[in-house]
Amino acid sequence: MRVPGPVAAAIELAMDDFRPRDVKPHRGATPDEVCMYQRESFNVTTIPGPKGILFVRFTLSPGAR
């Protein structure tokens, strides 16, 4: 799959805001909580908005563990 540069940039900016790279699960986190801290646990969808805006949506991937 090829992702155009502006779309990739929008996804990266949104993911950095949604799930910053340096944030780790707290001590004693459950397996479900640990899953929620992993970026690969999420699917991403983008849709174009007005004036070149891209809306980015993250959803939990089916089967994420």
PDB file of N, CA and C in Angstrom:
ATOM      1  N   MET A   1       0.844  -1.162   0.000  1.00  0.00           N
ATOM      2  CA  MET A   1       0.000   0.000   0.000  1.00  0.00           C
ATOM      3  C   MET A   1       0.896   1.234   0.000  1.00  0.00           C
ATOM      4  N   ARG A   2       0.611   2.181  -0.864  1.00  0.00           N
ATOM      5  CA  ARG A   2       1.342   3.444  -0.913  1.00  0.00           C
ATOM      6  C   ARG A   2       0.507   4.518  -0.229  1.00  0.00           C
ATOM      7  N   VAL A   3       1.135   5.233   0.665  1.00  0.00           N
ATOM      8  CA  VAL A   3       0.459   6.304   1.392  1.00  0.00           C
ATOM      9  C   VAL A   3       1.108   7.627   0.973  1.00  0.00           C
ATOM     10  N   PRO A   4       0.319   8.547   0.409  1.00  0.00           N
ATOM     11  CA  PRO A   4       0.883   9.843   0.019  1.00  0.00           C
ATOM     12  C   PRO A   4       1.493  10.568   1.220  1.00  0.00           C
ATOM     13  N   GLY A   5       2.527  11.355   0.959  1.00  0.00           N
ATOM     14  CA  GLY A   5       3.246  12.068   2.010  1.00  0.00           C
ATOM     15  C   GLY A   5       2.368  12.856   2.970  1.00  0.00           C
ATOM     16  N   PRO A   6       1.431  13.684   2.458  1.00  0.00           N
ATOM     17  CA  PRO A   6       0.585  14.456   3.382  1.00  0.00           C
ATOM     18  C   PRO A   6      -0.282  13.572   4.286  1.00  0.00           C
ATOM     19  N   VAL A   7      -0.726  12.436   3.766  1.00  0.00           N
ATOM     20  CA  VAL A   7      -1.541  11.519   4.574  1.00  0.00           C
ATOM     21  C   VAL A   7      -0.668  10.882   5.657  1.00  0.00           C
ATOM     22  N   ALA A   8       0.530  10.449   5.279  1.00  0.00           N
ATOM     23  CA  ALA A   8       1.450   9.860   6.258  1.00  0.00           C
ATOM     24  C   ALA A   8       1.793  10.867   7.355  1.00  0.00           C
ATOM     25  N   ALA A   9       2.012  12.116   6.972  1.00  0.00           N
ATOM     26  CA  ALA A   9       2.328  13.153   7.959  1.00  0.00           C
ATOM     27  C   ALA A   9       1.155  13.388   8.903  1.00  0.00           C
ATOM     28  N   ALA A  10      -0.058  13.412   8.364  1.00  0.00           N
ATOM     29  CA  ALA A  10      -1.249  13.611   9.200  1.00  0.00           C
ATOM     30  C   ALA A  10      -1.411  12.459  10.186  1.00  0.00           C
ATOM     31  N   ILE A  11      -1.183  11.239   9.719  1.00  0.00           N
ATOM     32  CA  ILE A  11      -1.292  10.068  10.592  1.00  0.00           C
ATOM     33  C   ILE A  11      -0.240  10.134  11.700  1.00  0.00           C
ATOM     34  N   GLU A  12       0.988  10.479  11.341  1.00  0.00           N
ATOM     35  CA  GLU A  12       2.058  10.551  12.335  1.00  0.00           C
ATOM     36  C   GLU A  12       1.771  11.621  13.391  1.00  0.00           C
ATOM     37  N   LEU A  13       1.334  12.786  12.956  1.00  0.00           N
ATOM     38  CA  LEU A  13       1.013  13.853  13.909  1.00  0.00           C
ATOM     39  C   LEU A  13      -0.131  13.450  14.838  1.00  0.00           C
ATOM     40  N   ALA A  14      -1.160  12.830  14.266  1.00  0.00           N
ATOM     41  CA  ALA A  14      -2.306  12.410  15.073  1.00  0.00           C
ATOM     42  C   ALA A  14      -1.910  11.314  16.061  1.00  0.00           C
ATOM     43  N   MET A  15      -1.100  10.356  15.610  1.00  0.00           N
ATOM     44  CA  MET A  15      -0.677   9.271  16.495  1.00  0.00           C
ATOM     45  C   MET A  15       0.222   9.795  17.605  1.00  0.00           C
ATOM     46  N   ASP A  16       1.104  10.737  17.282  1.00  0.00           N
ATOM     47  CA  ASP A  16       1.966  11.311  18.316  1.00  0.00           C
ATOM     48  C   ASP A  16       1.146  12.024  19.387  1.00  0.00           C
ATOM     49  N   ASP A  17       0.024  12.595  18.994  1.00  0.00           N
ATOM     50  CA  ASP A  17      -0.857  13.250  19.963  1.00  0.00           C
ATOM     51  C   ASP A  17      -1.683  12.221  20.737  1.00  0.00           C
ATOM     52  N   PHE A  18      -2.202  11.213  20.024  1.00  0.00           N
ATOM     53  CA  PHE A  18      -3.077  10.196  20.610  1.00  0.00           C
ATOM     54  C   PHE A  18      -2.306   9.242  21.521  1.00  0.00           C
ATOM     55  N   ARG A  19      -1.153   8.786  21.041  1.00  0.00           N
ATOM     56  CA  ARG A  19      -0.366   7.793  21.775  1.00  0.00           C
ATOM     57  C   ARG A  19       1.113   8.167  21.645  1.00  0.00           C
ATOM     58  N   PRO A  20       1.586   9.118  22.459  1.00  0.00           N
ATOM     59  CA  PRO A  20       2.990   9.544  22.374  1.00  0.00           C
ATOM     60  C   PRO A  20       3.953   8.365  22.533  1.00  0.00           C
ATOM     61  N   ARG A  21       5.063   8.431  21.826  1.00  0.00           N
ATOM     62  CA  ARG A  21       6.035   7.329  21.823  1.00  0.00           C
ATOM     63  C   ARG A  21       6.650   7.060  23.195  1.00  0.00           C
ATOM     64  N   ASP A  22       6.805   8.078  24.019  1.00  0.00           N
ATOM     65  CA  ASP A  22       7.492   7.898  25.296  1.00  0.00           C
ATOM     66  C   ASP A  22       6.572   7.502  26.447  1.00  0.00           C
ATOM     67  N   VAL A  23       5.288   7.323  26.189  1.00  0.00           N
ATOM     68  CA  VAL A  23       4.348   6.943  27.246  1.00  0.00           C
ATOM     69  C   VAL A  23       4.313   5.416  27.352  1.00  0.00           C
ATOM     70  N   LYS A  24       4.499   4.934  28.558  1.00  0.00           N
ATOM     71  CA  LYS A  24       4.513   3.490  28.821  1.00  0.00           C
ATOM     72  C   LYS A  24       3.380   3.134  29.774  1.00  0.00           C
ATOM     73  N   PRO A  25       2.930   1.865  29.751  1.00  0.00           N
ATOM     74  CA  PRO A  25       1.897   1.439  30.699  1.00  0.00           C
ATOM     75  C   PRO A  25       2.399   1.580  32.139  1.00  0.00           C
ATOM     76  N   HIS A  26       1.484   1.837  33.035  1.00  0.00           N
ATOM     77  CA  HIS A  26       1.841   1.948  34.444  1.00  0.00           C
ATOM     78  C   HIS A  26       2.188   0.581  35.017  1.00  0.00           C
ATOM     79  N   ARG A  27       2.923   0.586  36.100  1.00  0.00           N
ATOM     80  CA  ARG A  27       3.288  -0.667  36.768  1.00  0.00           C
ATOM     81  C   ARG A  27       2.011  -1.379  37.200  1.00  0.00           C
ATOM     82  N   GLY A  28       1.937  -2.659  36.927  1.00  0.00           N
ATOM     83  CA  GLY A  28       0.768  -3.437  37.300  1.00  0.00           C
ATOM     84  C   GLY A  28      -0.357  -3.369  36.279  1.00  0.00           C
ATOM     85  N   ALA A  29      -0.070  -2.814  35.100  1.00  0.00           N
ATOM     86  CA  ALA A  29      -1.097  -2.714  34.060  1.00  0.00           C
ATOM     87  C   ALA A  29      -1.564  -4.104  33.644  1.00  0.00           C
ATOM     88  N   THR A  30      -2.840  -4.209  33.364  1.00  0.00           N
ATOM     89  CA  THR A  30      -3.400  -5.476  32.891  1.00  0.00           C
ATOM     90  C   THR A  30      -2.972  -5.697  31.441  1.00  0.00           C
ATOM     91  N   PRO A  31      -3.072  -6.927  30.939  1.00  0.00           N
ATOM     92  CA  PRO A  31      -2.749  -7.166  29.532  1.00  0.00           C
ATOM     93  C   PRO A  31      -3.569  -6.279  28.579  1.00  0.00           C
ATOM     94  N   ASP A  32      -4.833  -6.037  28.907  1.00  0.00           N
ATOM     95  CA  ASP A  32      -5.651  -5.161  28.061  1.00  0.00           C
ATOM     96  C   ASP A  32      -5.111  -3.735  28.066  1.00  0.00           C
ATOM     97  N   GLU A  33      -4.681  -3.261  29.228  1.00  0.00           N
ATOM     98  CA  GLU A  33      -4.114  -1.912  29.314  1.00  0.00           C
ATOM     99  C   GLU A  33      -2.802  -1.820  28.541  1.00  0.00           C
ATOM    100  N   VAL A  34      -1.971  -2.834  28.651  1.00  0.00           N
ATOM    101  CA  VAL A  34      -0.711  -2.856  27.901  1.00  0.00           C
ATOM    102  C   VAL A  34      -1.004  -2.801  26.406  1.00  0.00           C
ATOM    103  N   CYS A  35      -1.993  -3.536  25.967  1.00  0.00           N
ATOM    104  CA  CYS A  35      -2.397  -3.536  24.557  1.00  0.00           C
ATOM    105  C   CYS A  35      -2.750  -2.129  24.085  1.00  0.00           C
ATOM    106  N   MET A  36      -3.440  -1.386  24.917  1.00  0.00           N
ATOM    107  CA  MET A  36      -3.880  -0.040  24.541  1.00  0.00           C
ATOM    108  C   MET A  36      -2.717   0.936  24.388  1.00  0.00           C
ATOM    109  N   TYR A  37      -1.561   0.605  24.923  1.00  0.00           N
ATOM    110  CA  TYR A  37      -0.384   1.466  24.802  1.00  0.00           C
ATOM    111  C   TYR A  37       0.444   1.147  23.556  1.00  0.00           C
ATOM    112  N   GLN A  38       0.102   0.093  22.853  1.00  0.00           N
ATOM    113  CA  GLN A  38       0.866  -0.312  21.678  1.00  0.00           C
ATOM    114  C   GLN A  38       0.246   0.289  20.426  1.00  0.00           C
ATOM    115  N   ARG A  39       1.032   1.052  19.706  1.00  0.00           N
ATOM    116  CA  ARG A  39       0.530   1.718  18.500  1.00  0.00           C
ATOM    117  C   ARG A  39      -0.008   0.718  17.480  1.00  0.00           C
ATOM    118  N   GLU A  40       0.630  -0.428  17.396  1.00  0.00           N
ATOM    119  CA  GLU A  40       0.207  -1.424  16.406  1.00  0.00           C
ATOM    120  C   GLU A  40      -1.131  -2.070  16.757  1.00  0.00           C
ATOM    121  N   SER A  41      -1.690  -1.749  17.901  1.00  0.00           N
ATOM    122  CA  SER A  41      -3.002  -2.272  18.289  1.00  0.00           C
ATOM    123  C   SER A  41      -4.151  -1.531  17.605  1.00  0.00           C
ATOM    124  N   PHE A  42      -3.823  -0.492  16.841  1.00  0.00           N
ATOM    125  CA  PHE A  42      -4.858   0.354  16.260  1.00  0.00           C
ATOM    126  C   PHE A  42      -4.818   0.359  14.738  1.00  0.00           C
ATOM    127  N   ASN A  43      -5.991   0.368  14.143  1.00  0.00           N
ATOM    128  CA  ASN A  43      -6.142   0.628  12.712  1.00  0.00           C
ATOM    129  C   ASN A  43      -6.346   2.121  12.545  1.00  0.00           C
ATOM    130  N   VAL A  44      -5.971   2.632  11.393  1.00  0.00           N
ATOM    131  CA  VAL A  44      -6.123   4.062  11.135  1.00  0.00           C
ATOM    132  C   VAL A  44      -6.919   4.270   9.851  1.00  0.00           C
ATOM    133  N   THR A  45      -7.786   5.258   9.895  1.00  0.00           N
ATOM    134  CA  THR A  45      -8.575   5.661   8.732  1.00  0.00           C
ATOM    135  C   THR A  45      -8.431   7.166   8.580  1.00  0.00           C
ATOM    136  N   THR A  46      -8.282   7.623   7.347  1.00  0.00           N
ATOM    137  CA  THR A  46      -8.262   9.066   7.096  1.00  0.00           C
ATOM    138  C   THR A  46      -9.354   9.398   6.097  1.00  0.00           C
ATOM    139  N   ILE A  47      -9.935  10.569   6.260  1.00  0.00           N
ATOM    140  CA  ILE A  47     -10.894  11.065   5.278  1.00  0.00           C
ATOM    141  C   ILE A  47     -10.589  12.542   5.041  1.00  0.00           C
ATOM    142  N   PRO A  48     -10.749  12.968   3.789  1.00  0.00           N
ATOM    143  CA  PRO A  48     -10.466  14.371   3.495  1.00  0.00           C
ATOM    144  C   PRO A  48     -11.556  15.278   4.042  1.00  0.00           C
ATOM    145  N   GLY A  49     -11.139  16.410   4.528  1.00  0.00           N
ATOM    146  CA  GLY A  49     -12.060  17.429   5.011  1.00  0.00           C
ATOM    147  C   GLY A  49     -11.933  18.670   4.145  1.00  0.00           C
ATOM    148  N   PRO A  50     -12.535  19.742   4.565  1.00  0.00           N
ATOM    149  CA  PRO A  50     -12.480  20.979   3.785  1.00  0.00           C
ATOM    150  C   PRO A  50     -11.089  21.622   3.836  1.00  0.00           C
ATOM    151  N   LYS A  51     -10.764  22.330   2.792  1.00  0.00           N
ATOM    152  CA  LYS A  51      -9.536  23.146   2.735  1.00  0.00           C
ATOM    153  C   LYS A  51      -8.268  22.344   3.015  1.00  0.00           C
ATOM    154  N   GLY A  52      -8.212  21.107   2.526  1.00  0.00           N
ATOM    155  CA  GLY A  52      -7.008  20.299   2.664  1.00  0.00           C
ATOM    156  C   GLY A  52      -6.814  19.632   4.010  1.00  0.00           C
ATOM    157  N   ILE A  53      -7.794  19.744   4.876  1.00  0.00           N
ATOM    158  CA  ILE A  53      -7.699  19.105   6.195  1.00  0.00           C
ATOM    159  C   ILE A  53      -7.921  17.603   6.036  1.00  0.00           C
ATOM    160  N   LEU A  54      -7.182  16.807   6.786  1.00  0.00           N
ATOM    161  CA  LEU A  54      -7.398  15.363   6.832  1.00  0.00           C
ATOM    162  C   LEU A  54      -7.871  14.990   8.231  1.00  0.00           C
ATOM    163  N   PHE A  55      -8.965  14.261   8.294  1.00  0.00           N
ATOM    164  CA  PHE A  55      -9.448  13.741   9.572  1.00  0.00           C
ATOM    165  C   PHE A  55      -8.841  12.352   9.755  1.00  0.00           C
ATOM    166  N   VAL A  56      -8.320  12.091  10.939  1.00  0.00           N
ATOM    167  CA  VAL A  56      -7.667  10.818  11.230  1.00  0.00           C
ATOM    168  C   VAL A  56      -8.431  10.145  12.362  1.00  0.00           C
ATOM    169  N   ARG A  57      -8.737   8.873  12.159  1.00  0.00           N
ATOM    170  CA  ARG A  57      -9.489   8.111  13.167  1.00  0.00           C
ATOM    171  C   ARG A  57      -8.714   6.845  13.504  1.00  0.00           C
ATOM    172  N   PHE A  58      -8.599   6.567  14.788  1.00  0.00           N
ATOM    173  CA  PHE A  58      -7.963   5.339  15.253  1.00  0.00           C
ATOM    174  C   PHE A  58      -9.025   4.446  15.875  1.00  0.00           C
ATOM    175  N   THR A  59      -9.002   3.175  15.509  1.00  0.00           N
ATOM    176  CA  THR A  59      -9.907   2.190  16.098  1.00  0.00           C
ATOM    177  C   THR A  59      -9.079   0.986  16.533  1.00  0.00           C
ATOM    178  N   LEU A  60      -9.520   0.349  17.582  1.00  0.00           N
ATOM    179  CA  LEU A  60      -8.820  -0.834  18.068  1.00  0.00           C
ATOM    180  C   LEU A  60      -8.905  -1.929  17.014  1.00  0.00           C
ATOM    181  N   SER A  61      -7.785  -2.481  16.682  1.00  0.00           N
ATOM    182  CA  SER A  61      -7.721  -3.528  15.672  1.00  0.00           C
ATOM    183  C   SER A  61      -8.349  -4.809  16.217  1.00  0.00           C
ATOM    184  N   PRO A  62      -9.191  -5.478  15.420  1.00  0.00           N
ATOM    185  CA  PRO A  62      -9.748  -6.750  15.878  1.00  0.00           C
ATOM    186  C   PRO A  62      -8.610  -7.735  16.178  1.00  0.00           C
ATOM    187  N   GLY A  63      -8.690  -8.381  17.280  1.00  0.00           N
ATOM    188  CA  GLY A  63      -7.668  -9.350  17.651  1.00  0.00           C
ATOM    189  C   GLY A  63      -6.428  -8.738  18.276  1.00  0.00           C
ATOM    190  N   ALA A  64      -6.449  -7.440  18.550  1.00  0.00           N
ATOM    191  CA  ALA A  64      -5.290  -6.801  19.190  1.00  0.00           C
ATOM    192  C   ALA A  64      -5.080  -7.420  20.562  1.00  0.00           C
ATOM    193  N   ARG A  65      -3.823  -7.655  20.905  1.00  0.00           N
ATOM    194  CA  ARG A  65      -3.501  -8.284  22.195  1.00  0.00           C
ATOM    195  C   ARG A  65      -2.356  -7.567  22.841  1.00  0.00           C
TER     196      ARG A  65
END
